[in-house]
């Protein structure tokens, strides 16, 4: 195992112990077989987040032990209004389509999994903004809407950034699904190879695979293009178009709160965060908003991802180039050829970038997954998303809750087909098989044609990577 730079921080040692459901802080209503607790044995280490550590442990346990862990799915199924699929990047994972096996004449020979962590607490900055909005509401002397009455006894107690038990269940479920589909590729001599992208303040020490420091070259994080723009202009435009009416309604329901449109956005975001913290039981904040208002919230996420690292950002797709060149190397079992985000020291060493595995799993972030989708050519739009009017077209495939919900995953399957074993590639995003428009539009693309189609990545972003530093 190769770890990130530690900066003098002692490495913790993670142990697994059996515990009771009461130790799981929120899983009391979940059905759990052999609950597993993860504890940090190095007491002097400062751990700000363990979300990917837990994620890996759960995925690995599912592959190696086949243990069962359920409960999260029932909570989502109980969402009769379907609003959970309108929470953009904060939506709980759901299958965008039913998984379909490859054609009967084909069999899977290699799997590349790219996955986002499960549900977590808000970031520090987001949590601060949310608390400001909540305090404004609570300061109102009276409520004209009974749906706000719970605020009199509400205490904000969310943490920051850590994986929540609901998110751990999402991650474990992903491991179980992968185990059921791909366990035939695993043998004692053919184990999955797993990489993480972690910031220097994250600390983790499993006895397996590679951790990429986000302070260096890293194909799993969107931090290597300092000149890239942001989505602020477009999301602010939408904030000013959509949220004033919602804000006016809330201010009428809580006279004296003096909420701003930014406050309203943050209050809506508290619905998914608080629901996840309640192990999937719907937060009372969700009752404050109607379905149309959640649709507007979803569109905020659509604009954010499209213009941040997606097609609407000039230097968005190039941030996904390094990962695609690593993917090509794995599919062809040849050394990585790349001059962008890759860590050439790690990628040049078979111990830290093996080319002989049947299963690879990489754990990343939503913004980086969006960049990778765009660099590949997935989810291309007929036109850019309009920041002033919600795009109503049913054909619009750029919907963030379907692209990068919590626990999102892209899976690239390599197939051998027919008597001659001709090699093909197919790509699934959240279980939906993707039409490969960059390779003829079908669901299967010959391996050679797939590699040929990735000229943007193979040519290091065709000059765009250099612009990242201008």
Protein backbone atom coordinates (compact mmCIF):
# COMPACT_ATOMS: atom_id res chain seq x y z
CA UNK A 1 0.00 0.00 0.00
CA UNK A 2 1.31 3.43 -0.93
CA UNK A 3 -0.03 6.26 1.18
CA UNK A 4 -0.36 9.98 0.65
CA UNK A 5 2.17 12.37 2.15
CA UNK A 6 1.54 12.44 5.88
CA UNK A 7 3.20 15.71 6.87
CA UNK A 8 4.35 14.26 10.16
CA UNK A 9 0.89 13.10 11.21
CA UNK A 10 1.01 9.60 12.75
CA UNK A 11 -0.75 7.03 10.62
CA UNK A 12 -3.78 5.51 12.35
CA UNK A 13 -4.35 1.79 12.42
CA UNK A 14 -7.87 0.79 11.48
CA UNK A 15 -9.38 -2.26 13.11
CA UNK A 16 -12.74 -3.88 12.60
CA UNK A 17 -14.76 -5.03 15.56
CA UNK A 18 -18.25 -6.34 16.02
CA UNK A 19 -20.68 -4.02 17.77
CA UNK A 20 -24.30 -3.53 18.62
CA UNK A 21 -26.71 -1.50 16.49
CA UNK A 22 -26.73 1.23 19.13
CA UNK A 23 -23.07 1.83 18.36
CA UNK A 24 -23.84 2.72 14.77
CA UNK A 25 -25.39 6.13 15.52
CA UNK A 26 -28.42 6.07 13.26
CA UNK A 27 -28.71 2.52 12.00
CA UNK A 28 -31.25 1.52 14.63
CA UNK A 29 -33.94 1.24 11.95
CA UNK A 30 -31.76 -0.49 9.37
CA UNK A 31 -31.50 -4.22 8.97
CA UNK A 32 -27.84 -5.00 9.60
CA UNK A 33 -26.12 -8.36 9.50
CA UNK A 34 -23.01 -8.51 11.72
CA UNK A 35 -22.61 -4.75 12.29
CA UNK A 36 -19.09 -3.57 11.64
CA UNK A 37 -17.48 -0.64 13.41
CA UNK A 38 -14.38 1.18 12.25
CA UNK A 39 -12.28 2.76 14.96
CA UNK A 40 -9.11 4.79 14.92
CA UNK A 41 -6.59 3.15 17.22
CA UNK A 42 -4.00 5.94 17.00
CA UNK A 43 -5.64 8.26 19.51
CA UNK A 44 -3.30 11.17 18.84
CA UNK A 45 -4.22 11.43 15.14
CA UNK A 46 -6.65 14.16 14.12
CA UNK A 47 -9.28 12.67 11.80
CA UNK A 48 -11.50 15.21 10.08
CA UNK A 49 -13.17 12.71 7.79
CA UNK A 50 -13.20 8.96 7.23
CA UNK A 51 -15.69 8.75 4.40
CA UNK A 52 -13.46 7.08 1.84
CA UNK A 53 -11.84 4.88 4.44
CA UNK A 54 -15.22 3.47 5.37
CA UNK A 55 -16.21 3.26 1.73
CA UNK A 56 -13.21 1.16 0.83
CA UNK A 57 -13.60 -1.14 3.81
CA UNK A 58 -17.22 -1.80 2.93
CA UNK A 59 -16.59 -2.42 -0.75
CA UNK A 60 -13.68 -4.68 0.07
CA UNK A 61 -15.68 -6.62 2.66
CA UNK A 62 -18.43 -7.15 0.14
CA UNK A 63 -15.92 -8.53 -2.35
CA UNK A 64 -14.02 -10.72 0.09
CA UNK A 65 -16.65 -11.76 2.61
CA UNK A 66 -20.00 -11.35 0.91
CA UNK A 67 -21.42 -9.91 4.13
CA UNK A 68 -24.90 -8.40 4.07
CA UNK A 69 -25.84 -4.86 4.99
CA UNK A 70 -29.27 -3.47 4.15
CA UNK A 71 -31.84 -0.89 5.13
CA UNK A 72 -31.00 2.13 3.02
CA UNK A 73 -33.06 0.97 0.06
CA UNK A 74 -36.29 0.74 2.03
CA UNK A 75 -36.00 4.33 3.18
CA UNK A 76 -35.60 5.59 -0.36
CA UNK A 77 -38.47 3.42 -1.60
CA UNK A 78 -40.75 5.09 0.93
CA UNK A 79 -40.25 8.43 -0.80
CA UNK A 80 -43.62 8.48 -2.55
CA UNK A 81 -43.24 12.04 -3.85
CA UNK A 82 -39.99 11.22 -5.59
CA UNK A 83 -38.36 14.40 -4.35
CA UNK A 84 -35.17 12.55 -3.44
CA UNK A 85 -34.37 12.34 -7.12
CA UNK A 86 -34.54 16.15 -7.26
CA UNK A 87 -31.72 16.79 -4.82
CA UNK A 88 -29.04 17.09 -7.53
CA UNK A 89 -25.60 16.00 -6.25
CA UNK A 90 -27.09 15.41 -2.80
CA UNK A 91 -29.59 12.80 -4.01
CA UNK A 92 -29.18 9.32 -2.55
CA UNK A 93 -28.00 6.82 -5.10
CA UNK A 94 -30.62 5.24 -7.36
CA UNK A 95 -30.35 3.13 -10.48
CA UNK A 96 -30.86 5.33 -13.52
CA UNK A 97 -31.94 2.16 -15.35
CA UNK A 98 -32.15 -1.53 -14.67
CA UNK A 99 -28.81 -3.26 -15.13
CA UNK A 100 -28.66 -5.34 -18.29
CA UNK A 101 -26.20 -8.13 -18.77
CA UNK A 102 -23.91 -8.04 -21.79
CA UNK A 103 -25.09 -9.86 -24.93
CA UNK A 104 -25.20 -13.63 -24.52
CA UNK A 105 -22.28 -14.05 -26.93
CA UNK A 106 -20.05 -11.88 -24.72
CA UNK A 107 -18.47 -12.29 -21.31
CA UNK A 108 -16.87 -9.70 -19.04
CA UNK A 109 -13.09 -9.89 -18.75
CA UNK A 110 -12.28 -6.63 -16.95
CA UNK A 111 -14.14 -4.03 -14.91
CA UNK A 112 -13.13 -0.45 -14.14
CA UNK A 113 -15.25 1.17 -11.41
CA UNK A 114 -15.15 4.91 -10.76
CA UNK A 115 -17.22 5.82 -7.71
CA UNK A 116 -18.19 8.76 -5.53
CA UNK A 117 -18.52 8.45 -1.75
CA UNK A 118 -21.91 7.96 -0.14
CA UNK A 119 -23.93 10.62 1.68
CA UNK A 120 -21.97 12.88 4.01
CA UNK A 121 -22.40 15.90 6.25
CA UNK A 122 -22.11 19.35 4.64
CA UNK A 123 -18.70 20.89 4.08
CA UNK A 124 -17.57 23.39 6.69
CA UNK A 125 -18.47 26.41 4.56
CA UNK A 126 -21.83 24.98 3.50
CA UNK A 127 -22.65 24.10 7.11
CA UNK A 128 -21.91 27.67 8.21
CA UNK A 129 -24.25 29.08 5.55
CA UNK A 130 -26.99 26.62 6.46
CA UNK A 131 -26.79 27.49 10.15
CA UNK A 132 -27.03 31.20 9.34
CA UNK A 133 -30.26 30.61 7.42
CA UNK A 134 -31.71 28.41 10.17
CA UNK A 135 -30.97 31.02 12.84
CA UNK A 136 -32.78 33.66 10.77
CA UNK A 137 -35.88 31.48 10.60
CA UNK A 138 -35.74 30.67 14.30
CA UNK A 139 -35.44 34.37 15.14
CA UNK A 140 -38.87 35.10 13.62
CA UNK A 141 -41.26 35.97 16.48
CA UNK A 142 -44.10 33.92 14.99
CA UNK A 143 -44.78 31.52 12.15
CA UNK A 144 -47.71 31.91 9.78
CA UNK A 145 -47.10 28.45 8.33
CA UNK A 146 -47.50 25.50 10.74
CA UNK A 147 -44.89 23.56 8.78
CA UNK A 148 -42.28 25.81 10.41
CA UNK A 149 -43.39 25.13 13.98
CA UNK A 150 -40.80 22.36 14.45
CA UNK A 151 -38.12 25.04 14.39
CA UNK A 152 -38.97 26.10 17.94
CA UNK A 153 -37.43 22.86 19.19
CA UNK A 154 -34.93 22.25 16.42
CA UNK A 155 -31.22 22.09 17.14
CA UNK A 156 -28.73 21.97 14.28
CA UNK A 157 -26.30 19.18 15.13
CA UNK A 158 -24.82 18.06 11.82
CA UNK A 159 -21.11 17.40 11.59
CA UNK A 160 -18.86 18.47 8.75
CA UNK A 161 -17.80 16.39 5.75
CA UNK A 162 -17.80 12.98 7.46
CA UNK A 163 -19.61 10.06 5.92
CA UNK A 164 -22.91 9.44 7.69
CA UNK A 165 -24.26 5.93 8.40
CA UNK A 166 -26.81 6.32 5.59
CA UNK A 167 -23.93 7.01 3.20
CA UNK A 168 -22.02 4.05 4.57
CA UNK A 169 -25.03 1.87 3.73
CA UNK A 170 -25.07 3.32 0.20
CA UNK A 171 -21.40 2.47 -0.18
CA UNK A 172 -21.82 -1.02 1.20
CA UNK A 173 -24.75 -1.61 -1.14
CA UNK A 174 -22.51 -0.62 -4.06
CA UNK A 175 -19.98 -3.20 -2.90
CA UNK A 176 -22.63 -5.87 -2.66
CA UNK A 177 -23.86 -5.12 -6.17
CA UNK A 178 -20.34 -5.22 -7.57
CA UNK A 179 -19.69 -8.48 -5.73
CA UNK A 180 -22.78 -10.15 -7.20
CA UNK A 181 -21.95 -9.03 -10.73
CA UNK A 182 -18.20 -9.46 -10.86
CA UNK A 183 -17.16 -11.94 -8.17
CA UNK A 184 -16.29 -14.46 -10.88
CA UNK A 185 -13.34 -12.23 -11.78
CA UNK A 186 -11.87 -12.43 -8.26
CA UNK A 187 -9.48 -15.18 -7.15
CA UNK A 188 -6.85 -15.29 -4.40
CA UNK A 189 -4.30 -14.38 -7.06
CA UNK A 190 -6.52 -11.86 -8.82
CA UNK A 191 -7.70 -9.28 -6.31
CA UNK A 192 -9.31 -5.91 -7.07
CA UNK A 193 -6.92 -2.97 -7.24
CA UNK A 194 -8.24 0.08 -5.41
CA UNK A 195 -7.14 3.72 -5.42
CA UNK A 196 -8.38 6.71 -3.44
CA UNK A 197 -7.95 10.43 -3.74
CA UNK A 198 -7.51 12.02 -0.32
CA UNK A 199 -6.56 15.47 0.93
CA UNK A 200 -3.64 15.74 3.34
CA UNK A 201 -5.98 16.12 6.32
CA UNK A 202 -7.57 12.74 5.58
CA UNK A 203 -5.78 9.85 7.24
CA UNK A 204 -6.18 6.22 6.24
CA UNK A 205 -4.09 3.08 6.36
CA UNK A 206 -5.58 -0.09 4.92
CA UNK A 207 -3.20 -2.82 3.89
CA UNK A 208 -4.02 -2.50 0.21
CA UNK A 209 -3.62 -0.43 -2.94
CA UNK A 210 -2.82 3.26 -3.42
CA UNK A 211 -3.82 6.61 -1.96
CA UNK A 212 -3.27 9.62 -4.20
CA UNK A 213 -2.45 12.84 -2.41
CA UNK A 214 -4.54 15.76 -3.61
CA UNK A 215 -1.50 17.97 -3.14
CA UNK A 216 0.26 16.33 -6.09
CA UNK A 217 -0.59 14.93 -9.50
CA UNK A 218 -3.93 13.20 -9.10
CA UNK A 219 -6.33 11.92 -11.76
CA UNK A 220 -9.15 11.49 -9.23
CA UNK A 221 -9.46 15.12 -8.10
CA UNK A 222 -10.28 18.34 -9.95
CA UNK A 223 -7.51 20.42 -8.40
CA UNK A 224 -4.95 20.55 -11.21
CA UNK A 225 -6.31 23.33 -13.40
CA UNK A 226 -5.88 26.62 -11.52
CA UNK A 227 -6.93 28.74 -14.50
CA UNK A 228 -10.26 26.96 -14.93
CA UNK A 229 -13.33 29.09 -14.37
CA UNK A 230 -16.28 28.31 -12.16
CA UNK A 231 -20.04 28.03 -12.44
CA UNK A 232 -20.66 31.03 -10.19
CA UNK A 233 -22.00 33.30 -12.94
CA UNK A 234 -24.59 30.79 -14.16
CA UNK A 235 -25.72 29.56 -10.75
CA UNK A 236 -26.06 33.15 -9.54
CA UNK A 237 -28.21 33.98 -12.55
CA UNK A 238 -30.50 31.08 -11.73
CA UNK A 239 -30.51 32.04 -8.06
CA UNK A 240 -31.78 35.48 -9.02
CA UNK A 241 -34.41 34.10 -11.41
CA UNK A 242 -35.89 31.18 -9.49
CA UNK A 243 -35.38 31.76 -5.78
CA UNK A 244 -36.94 35.23 -5.16
CA UNK A 245 -40.50 33.81 -5.25
CA UNK A 246 -39.59 30.98 -2.89
CA UNK A 247 -37.84 33.45 -0.59
CA UNK A 248 -40.83 35.77 -0.55
CA UNK A 249 -43.08 32.86 0.42
CA UNK A 250 -40.79 31.88 3.30
CA UNK A 251 -40.49 35.46 4.55
CA UNK A 252 -44.28 35.74 4.55
CA UNK A 253 -44.49 32.49 6.52
CA UNK A 254 -41.84 33.72 8.99
CA UNK A 255 -42.24 37.51 9.28
CA UNK A 256 -39.02 39.16 10.38
CA UNK A 257 -36.73 36.35 9.20
CA UNK A 258 -35.48 38.51 6.32
CA UNK A 259 -34.16 35.55 4.36
CA UNK A 260 -32.15 36.13 1.21
CA UNK A 261 -32.22 33.99 -1.92
CA UNK A 262 -28.92 32.45 -0.81
CA UNK A 263 -30.50 31.55 2.54
CA UNK A 264 -33.36 29.85 0.70
CA UNK A 265 -30.96 27.74 -1.37
CA UNK A 266 -29.13 26.68 1.79
CA UNK A 267 -32.38 25.77 3.57
CA UNK A 268 -33.40 23.55 0.66
CA UNK A 269 -29.98 21.87 0.78
CA UNK A 270 -30.54 21.10 4.46
CA UNK A 271 -33.39 18.79 3.44
CA UNK A 272 -31.11 16.14 1.86
CA UNK A 273 -28.32 16.62 4.41
CA UNK A 274 -30.64 16.29 7.41
CA UNK A 275 -32.48 13.36 5.81
CA UNK A 276 -29.19 11.51 5.35
CA UNK A 277 -28.21 12.26 8.95
CA UNK A 278 -31.55 10.79 10.06
CA UNK A 279 -30.67 7.53 8.28
CA UNK A 280 -33.06 8.26 5.44
CA UNK A 281 -36.03 9.39 7.52
CA UNK A 282 -37.28 12.51 5.81
CA UNK A 283 -36.26 15.77 7.43
CA UNK A 284 -38.97 18.26 8.43
CA UNK A 285 -37.10 20.78 6.28
CA UNK A 286 -38.26 18.82 3.24
CA UNK A 287 -41.89 19.58 4.13
CA UNK A 288 -41.27 23.31 3.77
CA UNK A 289 -40.77 23.05 0.00
CA UNK A 290 -42.90 21.65 -2.82
CA UNK A 291 -41.92 19.52 -5.77
CA UNK A 292 -41.55 22.45 -8.17
CA UNK A 293 -39.18 24.15 -5.76
CA UNK A 294 -37.08 21.00 -5.59
CA UNK A 295 -37.03 20.92 -9.39
CA UNK A 296 -35.52 24.39 -9.29
CA UNK A 297 -32.97 23.19 -6.77
CA UNK A 298 -32.06 20.27 -9.03
CA UNK A 299 -31.55 22.68 -11.91
CA UNK A 300 -29.13 24.67 -9.75
CA UNK A 301 -27.05 21.50 -9.53
CA UNK A 302 -27.38 20.85 -13.26
CA UNK A 303 -26.01 24.32 -14.01
CA UNK A 304 -23.27 24.00 -11.42
CA UNK A 305 -21.89 20.76 -12.82
CA UNK A 306 -22.31 21.75 -16.46
CA UNK A 307 -20.43 25.04 -16.09
CA UNK A 308 -17.93 24.01 -13.41
CA UNK A 309 -16.16 20.95 -14.86
CA UNK A 310 -18.57 19.92 -17.61
CA UNK A 311 -19.10 20.95 -21.22
CA UNK A 312 -19.95 24.52 -20.31
CA UNK A 313 -16.51 25.13 -18.85
CA UNK A 314 -13.74 25.61 -21.40
CA UNK A 315 -11.21 23.87 -19.18
CA UNK A 316 -13.64 21.39 -17.66
CA UNK A 317 -13.22 18.27 -19.82
CA UNK A 318 -9.42 18.47 -19.83
CA UNK A 319 -9.46 17.80 -16.10
CA UNK A 320 -10.67 14.26 -16.85
CA UNK A 321 -8.00 13.44 -19.43
CA UNK A 322 -5.47 11.80 -17.09
CA UNK A 323 -7.96 9.24 -15.82
CA UNK A 324 -8.98 8.30 -19.36
CA UNK A 325 -5.38 7.69 -20.35
CA UNK A 326 -5.02 5.44 -17.29
CA UNK A 327 -8.20 3.65 -18.34
CA UNK A 328 -6.79 3.08 -21.82
CA UNK A 329 -3.61 1.65 -20.32
CA UNK A 330 -5.60 -0.81 -18.22
CA UNK A 331 -7.86 -1.85 -21.07
CA UNK A 332 -4.90 -2.46 -23.40
CA UNK A 333 -2.50 -3.58 -20.64
CA UNK A 334 0.13 -1.16 -21.85
CA UNK A 335 2.06 1.57 -20.00
CA UNK A 336 0.27 4.87 -19.38
CA UNK A 337 0.96 7.58 -21.94
CA UNK A 338 -0.04 10.92 -20.50
CA UNK A 339 1.41 14.38 -19.84
CA UNK A 340 -1.41 15.87 -17.79
CA UNK A 341 -2.65 14.91 -14.30
CA UNK A 342 -1.08 11.48 -13.91
CA UNK A 343 1.54 10.73 -11.27
CA UNK A 344 4.17 9.22 -13.53
CA UNK A 345 6.15 7.75 -10.64
CA UNK A 346 3.17 5.76 -9.40
CA UNK A 347 1.77 4.96 -12.85
CA UNK A 348 5.18 3.72 -14.00
CA UNK A 349 5.48 1.16 -11.21
CA UNK A 350 3.57 -2.13 -11.55
CA UNK A 351 3.23 -2.25 -7.76
CA UNK A 352 1.27 1.00 -7.71
CA UNK A 353 -0.31 0.80 -11.15
CA UNK A 354 -0.64 -2.86 -12.15
CA UNK A 355 -1.82 -3.71 -15.64
CA UNK A 356 -2.81 -7.31 -15.00
CA UNK A 357 -5.93 -6.96 -12.84
CA UNK A 358 -9.48 -7.87 -13.75
CA UNK A 359 -11.12 -5.38 -11.39
CA UNK A 360 -10.02 -1.80 -10.75
CA UNK A 361 -11.89 0.54 -8.41
CA UNK A 362 -11.12 4.25 -8.13
CA UNK A 363 -12.84 6.52 -5.60
CA UNK A 364 -13.23 10.14 -6.57
CA UNK A 365 -15.45 13.22 -6.25
CA UNK A 366 -18.50 14.48 -8.08
CA UNK A 367 -16.78 17.37 -9.88
CA UNK A 368 -14.00 15.11 -11.13
CA UNK A 369 -16.45 12.47 -12.32
CA UNK A 370 -18.23 15.18 -14.32
CA UNK A 371 -14.93 16.17 -15.95
CA UNK A 372 -14.28 12.54 -16.85
CA UNK A 373 -17.76 12.14 -18.37
CA UNK A 374 -17.16 15.24 -20.49
CA UNK A 375 -13.67 14.19 -21.55
CA UNK A 376 -15.03 10.79 -22.63
CA UNK A 377 -17.88 12.36 -24.59
CA UNK A 378 -20.75 11.12 -22.42
CA UNK A 379 -23.95 13.15 -21.89
CA UNK A 380 -23.26 15.66 -24.65
CA UNK A 381 -26.06 18.21 -24.99
CA UNK A 382 -27.66 19.70 -28.09
CA UNK A 383 -27.06 23.13 -26.59
CA UNK A 384 -25.71 24.63 -23.41
CA UNK A 385 -27.97 24.79 -20.38
CA UNK A 386 -29.81 28.10 -20.05
CA UNK A 387 -29.14 29.81 -16.70
CA UNK A 388 -32.27 31.96 -17.05
CA UNK A 389 -34.84 29.33 -18.01
CA UNK A 390 -35.08 25.73 -16.84
CA UNK A 391 -34.53 23.43 -19.80
CA UNK A 392 -37.75 21.36 -20.02
CA UNK A 393 -36.69 18.99 -22.81
CA UNK A 394 -37.25 15.31 -21.96
CA UNK A 395 -34.20 14.59 -24.12
CA UNK A 396 -31.94 16.53 -21.77
CA UNK A 397 -29.64 13.95 -20.24
CA UNK A 398 -27.64 16.41 -18.17
CA UNK A 399 -29.45 15.86 -14.86
CA UNK A 400 -27.10 15.91 -11.90
CA UNK A 401 -29.04 13.46 -9.73
CA UNK A 402 -28.63 10.89 -12.51
CA UNK A 403 -24.97 11.74 -13.12
CA UNK A 404 -23.36 12.19 -9.71
CA UNK A 405 -25.68 11.47 -6.78
CA UNK A 406 -24.08 10.34 -3.56
CA UNK A 407 -22.56 6.93 -4.31
CA UNK A 408 -22.50 7.58 -8.08
CA UNK A 409 -20.52 5.14 -10.18
CA UNK A 410 -19.34 4.77 -13.72
CA UNK A 411 -18.39 1.26 -14.77
CA UNK A 412 -16.40 0.44 -17.87
CA UNK A 413 -16.73 -3.23 -18.75
CA UNK A 414 -14.33 -4.90 -21.17
CA UNK A 415 -15.98 -7.79 -23.01
CA UNK A 416 -14.78 -10.70 -25.08
CA UNK A 417 -17.35 -11.64 -27.70
CA UNK A 418 -17.91 -14.45 -30.15
CA UNK A 419 -15.76 -17.47 -30.87
CA UNK A 420 -12.81 -15.27 -31.66
CA UNK A 421 -13.00 -13.34 -28.40
CA UNK A 422 -13.11 -9.93 -30.09
CA UNK A 423 -12.80 -7.23 -27.43
CA UNK A 424 -15.44 -4.58 -26.85
CA UNK A 425 -16.16 -1.88 -24.29
CA UNK A 426 -19.42 -0.75 -22.77
CA UNK A 427 -20.01 1.99 -20.20
CA UNK A 428 -22.63 2.17 -17.47
CA UNK A 429 -23.42 5.20 -15.32
CA UNK A 430 -25.51 4.37 -12.28
CA UNK A 431 -26.47 1.07 -13.95
CA UNK A 432 -27.71 2.72 -17.15
CA UNK A 433 -25.88 1.46 -20.25
CA UNK A 434 -24.71 4.53 -22.13
CA UNK A 435 -25.09 5.12 -25.87
CA UNK A 436 -21.57 5.64 -27.15
CA UNK A 437 -22.25 8.45 -29.60
CA UNK A 438 -18.52 9.02 -30.02
CA UNK A 439 -18.22 5.44 -31.27
CA UNK A 440 -21.09 4.94 -33.67
CA UNK A 441 -23.92 5.45 -31.21
CA UNK A 442 -24.35 1.86 -30.09
CA UNK A 443 -23.97 0.38 -26.62
CA UNK A 444 -20.88 -1.62 -27.54
CA UNK A 445 -17.71 -0.23 -29.05
CA UNK A 446 -14.79 -2.34 -30.19
CA UNK A 447 -11.80 -1.79 -27.95
CA UNK A 448 -9.69 -0.41 -30.78
CA UNK A 449 -12.47 1.94 -31.91
CA UNK A 450 -13.00 3.12 -28.34
CA UNK A 451 -9.34 4.02 -27.96
CA UNK A 452 -9.36 5.72 -31.34
CA UNK A 453 -12.40 7.77 -30.26
CA UNK A 454 -10.51 9.17 -27.28
CA UNK A 455 -8.22 11.42 -29.29
CA UNK A 456 -8.86 14.34 -26.94
CA UNK A 457 -7.36 12.41 -24.04
CA UNK A 458 -4.65 10.69 -26.04
CA UNK A 459 -3.47 14.11 -27.21
CA UNK A 460 -3.35 15.48 -23.65
CA UNK A 461 -6.45 17.60 -24.11
CA UNK A 462 -5.32 19.01 -27.45
CA UNK A 463 -3.58 21.97 -25.84
CA UNK A 464 -6.17 22.67 -23.14
CA UNK A 465 -4.01 21.34 -20.30
CA UNK A 466 -1.42 24.01 -20.96
CA UNK A 467 -4.12 26.65 -20.63
CA UNK A 468 -4.72 25.46 -17.07
CA UNK A 469 -1.51 27.24 -16.07
CA UNK A 470 -1.74 30.39 -18.17
